[in-house]
């Protein structure tokens, strides 16, 4: 009797590949784990090639393609681009490269912010790369035509957070610098347009005041991921990559930095290693 090894990867047991320019996407990984506790999670922090937000589109697309291939080779049923800059620059190229592979992107939460603002003034904190992209322009055009959108590029903030010391004087100074214009413009809702920023949300809230609403899309991305996992086709039984329930993390930068950050922010089991992922 021959027994097929094909099995439906279902929302509960899907193998999900996630990547970011660095450590920020761990905020998205954490949200995915909360909705899909039994899923196999694989995460790449491309810290050796960060920050994406201060690089050109060609660099971001090349890195995104290389990492997507890395995760695809390891059996990812679905890809999550846990990086606003990479989504803006590369999601169309990746979907063209992999037309039947479900790919979830991350975009600034302008739509929910537009529905929540009380005075019609919304701030968007993001990298220069995200704010200058055509994808962001279309997003703002579609959902923010009736509000006053104040764009705040935050050069250096993601890189400062990437250092791992989110309460360091440098991080706090960067946050204060980038929040000051938004506070002066009296925005009442601020979109966190980079997955690194939720890790310093407490500093941003303190600078902007308790009455300012902060919009983080990590939970929305996790819900979209779960929805797509529910319709995944059957696949061959996977090779054993890690103990059940243990997320696999790779970094193209310093392994110790990834381990330190993951140890502080992830409340589930993981194992980390360094990886060389040439473009």
Protein backbone atom coordinates (compact mmCIF):
# COMPACT_ATOMS: atom_id res chain seq x y z
CA UNK A 1 0.00 0.00 0.00
CA UNK A 2 1.38 3.39 -1.03
CA UNK A 3 0.57 6.32 1.19
CA UNK A 4 0.89 9.82 -0.22
CA UNK A 5 3.00 12.26 1.73
CA UNK A 6 1.00 15.23 0.43
CA UNK A 7 -0.87 17.10 3.10
CA UNK A 8 -2.81 20.34 3.29
CA UNK A 9 -0.69 22.95 5.08
CA UNK A 10 -3.81 24.52 6.64
CA UNK A 11 -3.73 27.83 8.44
CA UNK A 12 -2.57 26.13 11.62
CA UNK A 13 0.49 24.31 10.22
CA UNK A 14 1.54 26.41 7.22
CA UNK A 15 5.21 27.16 6.68
CA UNK A 16 5.50 30.95 6.56
CA UNK A 17 8.55 32.82 5.34
CA UNK A 18 9.02 36.38 6.60
CA UNK A 19 11.75 38.91 5.88
CA UNK A 20 12.76 42.46 6.63
CA UNK A 21 15.74 44.68 6.01
CA UNK A 22 16.70 43.90 9.59
CA UNK A 23 15.16 43.26 12.97
CA UNK A 24 12.01 45.36 12.66
CA UNK A 25 9.98 42.62 11.01
CA UNK A 26 10.11 40.66 14.26
CA UNK A 27 7.15 42.84 15.27
CA UNK A 28 5.19 41.26 12.41
CA UNK A 29 6.52 37.78 13.18
CA UNK A 30 5.28 38.18 16.76
CA UNK A 31 1.80 39.13 15.52
CA UNK A 32 1.70 36.14 13.14
CA UNK A 33 2.68 33.76 15.93
CA UNK A 34 -0.16 35.08 18.11
CA UNK A 35 -2.73 34.16 15.42
CA UNK A 36 -1.03 31.00 14.11
CA UNK A 37 0.67 29.39 17.14
CA UNK A 38 1.35 26.08 15.35
CA UNK A 39 2.65 27.48 12.06
CA UNK A 40 6.26 26.91 11.03
CA UNK A 41 7.87 30.35 11.02
CA UNK A 42 11.04 31.26 9.13
CA UNK A 43 12.49 34.75 9.33
CA UNK A 44 15.35 36.49 7.55
CA UNK A 45 16.82 39.73 8.90
CA UNK A 46 18.88 41.24 6.09
CA UNK A 47 20.84 43.34 8.55
CA UNK A 48 24.04 43.01 6.56
CA UNK A 49 22.45 45.02 3.74
CA UNK A 50 20.35 47.48 5.77
CA UNK A 51 18.93 50.03 5.91
CA UNK A 52 16.70 49.56 2.85
CA UNK A 53 15.00 52.92 3.38
CA UNK A 54 18.16 54.79 2.49
CA UNK A 55 19.04 52.65 -0.56
CA UNK A 56 17.84 52.77 -4.15
CA UNK A 57 15.04 50.60 -5.52
CA UNK A 58 17.44 48.42 -7.53
CA UNK A 59 19.26 47.40 -4.34
CA UNK A 60 16.02 46.64 -2.51
CA UNK A 61 14.59 44.60 -5.39
CA UNK A 62 17.79 42.56 -5.74
CA UNK A 63 17.91 41.79 -2.02
CA UNK A 64 14.19 40.96 -1.89
CA UNK A 65 14.53 38.53 -4.78
CA UNK A 66 17.51 36.81 -3.18
CA UNK A 67 15.79 36.40 0.17
CA UNK A 68 12.54 35.26 -1.41
CA UNK A 69 14.48 32.55 -3.24
CA UNK A 70 16.20 31.55 0.02
CA UNK A 71 12.87 31.10 1.81
CA UNK A 72 11.23 29.44 -1.18
CA UNK A 73 14.03 26.87 -1.29
CA UNK A 74 13.31 26.09 2.35
CA UNK A 75 9.71 25.30 1.58
CA UNK A 76 7.83 28.45 2.52
CA UNK A 77 4.17 28.09 1.54
CA UNK A 78 3.66 31.83 1.79
CA UNK A 79 5.89 34.91 1.91
CA UNK A 80 5.42 37.95 4.13
CA UNK A 81 7.41 41.06 3.26
CA UNK A 82 7.62 42.54 6.76
CA UNK A 83 9.17 45.76 5.50
CA UNK A 84 7.36 48.82 4.16
CA UNK A 85 10.29 49.87 1.98
CA UNK A 86 10.70 46.41 0.43
CA UNK A 87 6.95 46.18 -0.17
CA UNK A 88 6.93 49.56 -1.92
CA UNK A 89 9.93 48.76 -4.09
CA UNK A 90 9.75 45.01 -4.69
CA UNK A 91 6.36 43.41 -4.10
CA UNK A 92 5.28 43.81 -7.74
CA UNK A 93 8.52 42.24 -8.97
CA UNK A 94 8.21 39.34 -6.53
CA UNK A 95 4.61 38.67 -7.50
CA UNK A 96 5.66 38.67 -11.15
CA UNK A 97 8.50 36.25 -10.37
CA UNK A 98 6.21 33.95 -8.32
CA UNK A 99 2.67 34.30 -9.74
CA UNK A 100 1.15 31.40 -7.76
CA UNK A 101 3.02 31.96 -4.49
CA UNK A 102 0.94 33.94 -1.96
CA UNK A 103 2.83 37.10 -1.00
CA UNK A 104 1.71 39.50 1.73
CA UNK A 105 3.12 43.02 1.82
CA UNK A 106 3.18 45.68 4.51
CA UNK A 107 1.89 49.17 3.82
CA UNK A 108 1.41 52.21 6.06
CA UNK A 109 -2.03 52.17 7.71
CA UNK A 110 -3.36 55.31 6.05
CA UNK A 111 -6.83 53.86 5.49
CA UNK A 112 -7.53 53.07 9.19
CA UNK A 113 -5.92 56.36 10.22
CA UNK A 114 -8.24 58.29 7.91
CA UNK A 115 -11.19 56.66 9.62
CA UNK A 116 -9.94 57.40 13.14
CA UNK A 117 -8.67 60.97 12.93
CA UNK A 118 -10.69 63.57 14.80
CA UNK A 119 -9.18 66.76 13.43
CA UNK A 120 -8.28 65.54 9.93
CA UNK A 121 -4.50 65.85 10.40
CA UNK A 122 -2.57 62.60 10.06
CA UNK A 123 1.16 62.13 10.38
CA UNK A 124 3.09 59.37 8.62
CA UNK A 125 6.45 58.36 10.06
CA UNK A 126 8.37 56.25 7.55
CA UNK A 127 11.66 55.83 5.75
CA UNK A 128 12.58 58.11 2.89
CA UNK A 129 12.33 55.13 0.52
CA UNK A 130 8.76 54.36 1.50
CA UNK A 131 7.55 57.97 1.29
CA UNK A 132 9.09 58.61 -2.13
CA UNK A 133 7.65 55.45 -3.71
CA UNK A 134 4.92 55.39 -6.31
CA UNK A 135 3.11 52.74 -4.30
CA UNK A 136 2.87 55.10 -1.33
CA UNK A 137 1.66 57.93 -3.56
CA UNK A 138 -1.16 55.76 -4.87
CA UNK A 139 -2.03 54.57 -1.36
CA UNK A 140 -2.30 58.14 -0.12
CA UNK A 141 -4.30 59.16 -3.16
CA UNK A 142 -6.77 56.33 -2.60
CA UNK A 143 -7.35 56.78 1.13
CA UNK A 144 -6.23 60.24 2.21
CA UNK A 145 -7.69 62.63 -0.35
CA UNK A 146 -10.04 64.08 2.27
CA UNK A 147 -7.49 64.52 5.09
CA UNK A 148 -4.39 66.61 5.72
CA UNK A 149 -1.50 64.16 5.42
CA UNK A 150 1.78 65.26 7.01
CA UNK A 151 4.74 63.15 5.86
CA UNK A 152 7.68 62.75 8.20
CA UNK A 153 10.74 60.97 6.80
CA UNK A 154 12.79 59.46 9.62
CA UNK A 155 16.35 58.95 8.34
CA UNK A 156 18.51 57.11 10.81
CA UNK A 157 15.73 55.91 13.10
CA UNK A 158 15.47 52.35 11.78
CA UNK A 159 19.26 52.04 11.84
CA UNK A 160 19.36 53.27 15.45
CA UNK A 161 16.71 50.73 16.47
CA UNK A 162 18.64 48.07 14.57
CA UNK A 163 21.46 48.50 17.08
CA UNK A 164 19.25 46.63 19.54
CA UNK A 165 19.27 49.26 22.29
CA UNK A 166 15.82 50.74 21.83
CA UNK A 167 16.13 52.90 24.96
CA UNK A 168 19.52 54.33 24.07
CA UNK A 169 20.10 58.09 24.00
CA UNK A 170 20.60 57.93 20.21
CA UNK A 171 17.22 56.27 19.66
CA UNK A 172 15.45 58.70 21.97
CA UNK A 173 17.10 61.67 20.24
CA UNK A 174 16.06 60.39 16.82
CA UNK A 175 12.49 59.85 17.99
CA UNK A 176 12.32 63.34 19.50
CA UNK A 177 13.74 64.89 16.33
CA UNK A 178 11.23 63.22 14.03
CA UNK A 179 8.21 63.64 16.30
CA UNK A 180 8.71 67.37 16.93
CA UNK A 181 7.37 68.55 13.53
CA UNK A 182 4.29 66.32 13.85
CA UNK A 183 3.57 67.61 17.33
CA UNK A 184 3.92 71.21 16.12
CA UNK A 185 1.51 70.46 13.26
CA UNK A 186 -1.01 69.14 15.79
CA UNK A 187 -1.66 65.80 14.14
CA UNK A 188 -3.96 63.61 16.19
CA UNK A 189 -3.19 60.30 14.48
CA UNK A 190 0.22 58.99 13.43
CA UNK A 191 0.89 56.03 11.14
CA UNK A 192 3.98 53.97 11.94
CA UNK A 193 5.19 53.30 8.41
CA UNK A 194 8.18 51.09 9.28
CA UNK A 195 8.10 47.75 11.09
CA UNK A 196 11.01 48.86 13.27
CA UNK A 197 8.99 51.67 14.84
CA UNK A 198 6.61 49.59 17.02
CA UNK A 199 9.64 48.69 19.16
CA UNK A 200 9.97 52.36 20.13
CA UNK A 201 6.25 53.08 20.28
CA UNK A 202 6.55 54.01 23.95
CA UNK A 203 9.02 56.78 23.07
CA UNK A 204 6.91 58.00 20.14
CA UNK A 205 3.79 58.09 22.33
CA UNK A 206 5.64 60.05 24.99
CA UNK A 207 6.82 62.63 22.44
CA UNK A 208 3.44 63.06 20.75
CA UNK A 209 1.25 62.87 23.84
CA UNK A 210 -1.23 60.35 25.18
CA UNK A 211 -4.10 61.70 23.05
CA UNK A 212 -2.33 60.94 19.76
CA UNK A 213 -3.37 57.64 18.22
CA UNK A 214 -0.61 55.45 16.80
CA UNK A 215 -1.41 53.08 13.94
CA UNK A 216 0.61 49.86 13.64
CA UNK A 217 -0.43 47.40 10.90
CA UNK A 218 1.26 44.28 12.29
CA UNK A 219 -2.02 42.72 13.42
CA UNK A 220 -3.68 43.45 10.07
CA UNK A 221 -0.78 41.75 8.26
CA UNK A 222 -1.12 38.74 10.55
CA UNK A 223 -4.85 38.49 9.82
CA UNK A 224 -4.21 38.65 6.07
CA UNK A 225 -1.56 35.96 6.41
CA UNK A 226 -3.96 33.67 8.28
CA UNK A 227 -6.65 34.23 5.65
CA UNK A 228 -4.31 33.27 2.79
CA UNK A 229 -3.02 30.24 4.70
CA UNK A 230 -6.56 28.88 4.87
CA UNK A 231 -6.64 28.34 1.09
CA UNK A 232 -3.13 26.97 0.55
CA UNK A 233 -2.92 23.87 -1.69
CA UNK A 234 -1.60 20.51 -0.52
CA UNK A 235 2.17 20.07 -0.42
CA UNK A 236 4.65 17.28 0.19
CA UNK A 237 5.53 16.59 3.80
CA UNK A 238 8.41 18.90 4.71
CA UNK A 239 11.87 17.87 5.83
CA UNK A 240 12.48 18.40 9.51
CA UNK A 241 14.00 21.87 9.79
CA UNK A 242 13.51 22.65 13.46
CA UNK A 243 11.78 21.16 16.49
CA UNK A 244 7.99 21.65 16.41
CA UNK A 245 6.97 25.15 17.43
CA UNK A 246 10.48 26.58 17.12
CA UNK A 247 10.84 29.47 14.69
CA UNK A 248 13.97 29.58 12.53
CA UNK A 249 15.71 32.93 12.32
CA UNK A 250 18.55 33.90 10.00
CA UNK A 251 20.55 37.10 9.73
CA UNK A 252 23.00 38.39 7.15
CA UNK A 253 24.44 40.59 9.89
CA UNK A 254 25.58 39.85 13.43
CA UNK A 255 24.01 36.72 14.90
CA UNK A 256 24.53 37.96 18.46
CA UNK A 257 22.52 41.09 17.74
CA UNK A 258 19.61 39.07 16.31
CA UNK A 259 19.71 36.75 19.34
CA UNK A 260 19.73 39.66 21.77
CA UNK A 261 16.82 41.40 20.07
CA UNK A 262 14.77 38.21 19.64
CA UNK A 263 15.40 37.27 23.25
CA UNK A 264 13.93 40.55 24.39
CA UNK A 265 10.92 40.77 22.09
CA UNK A 266 9.80 37.25 21.13
CA UNK A 267 7.77 35.25 23.63
CA UNK A 268 8.05 31.93 21.79
CA UNK A 269 10.82 29.45 21.04
CA UNK A 270 13.30 30.21 18.25
CA UNK A 271 16.74 29.29 16.99
CA UNK A 272 19.02 31.71 15.17
CA UNK A 273 21.95 31.42 12.81
CA UNK A 274 23.94 33.52 10.40
CA UNK A 275 23.34 33.20 6.66
CA UNK A 276 25.08 34.38 3.51
CA UNK A 277 22.46 35.27 0.90
CA UNK A 278 24.14 36.66 -2.23
CA UNK A 279 22.00 38.72 -4.60
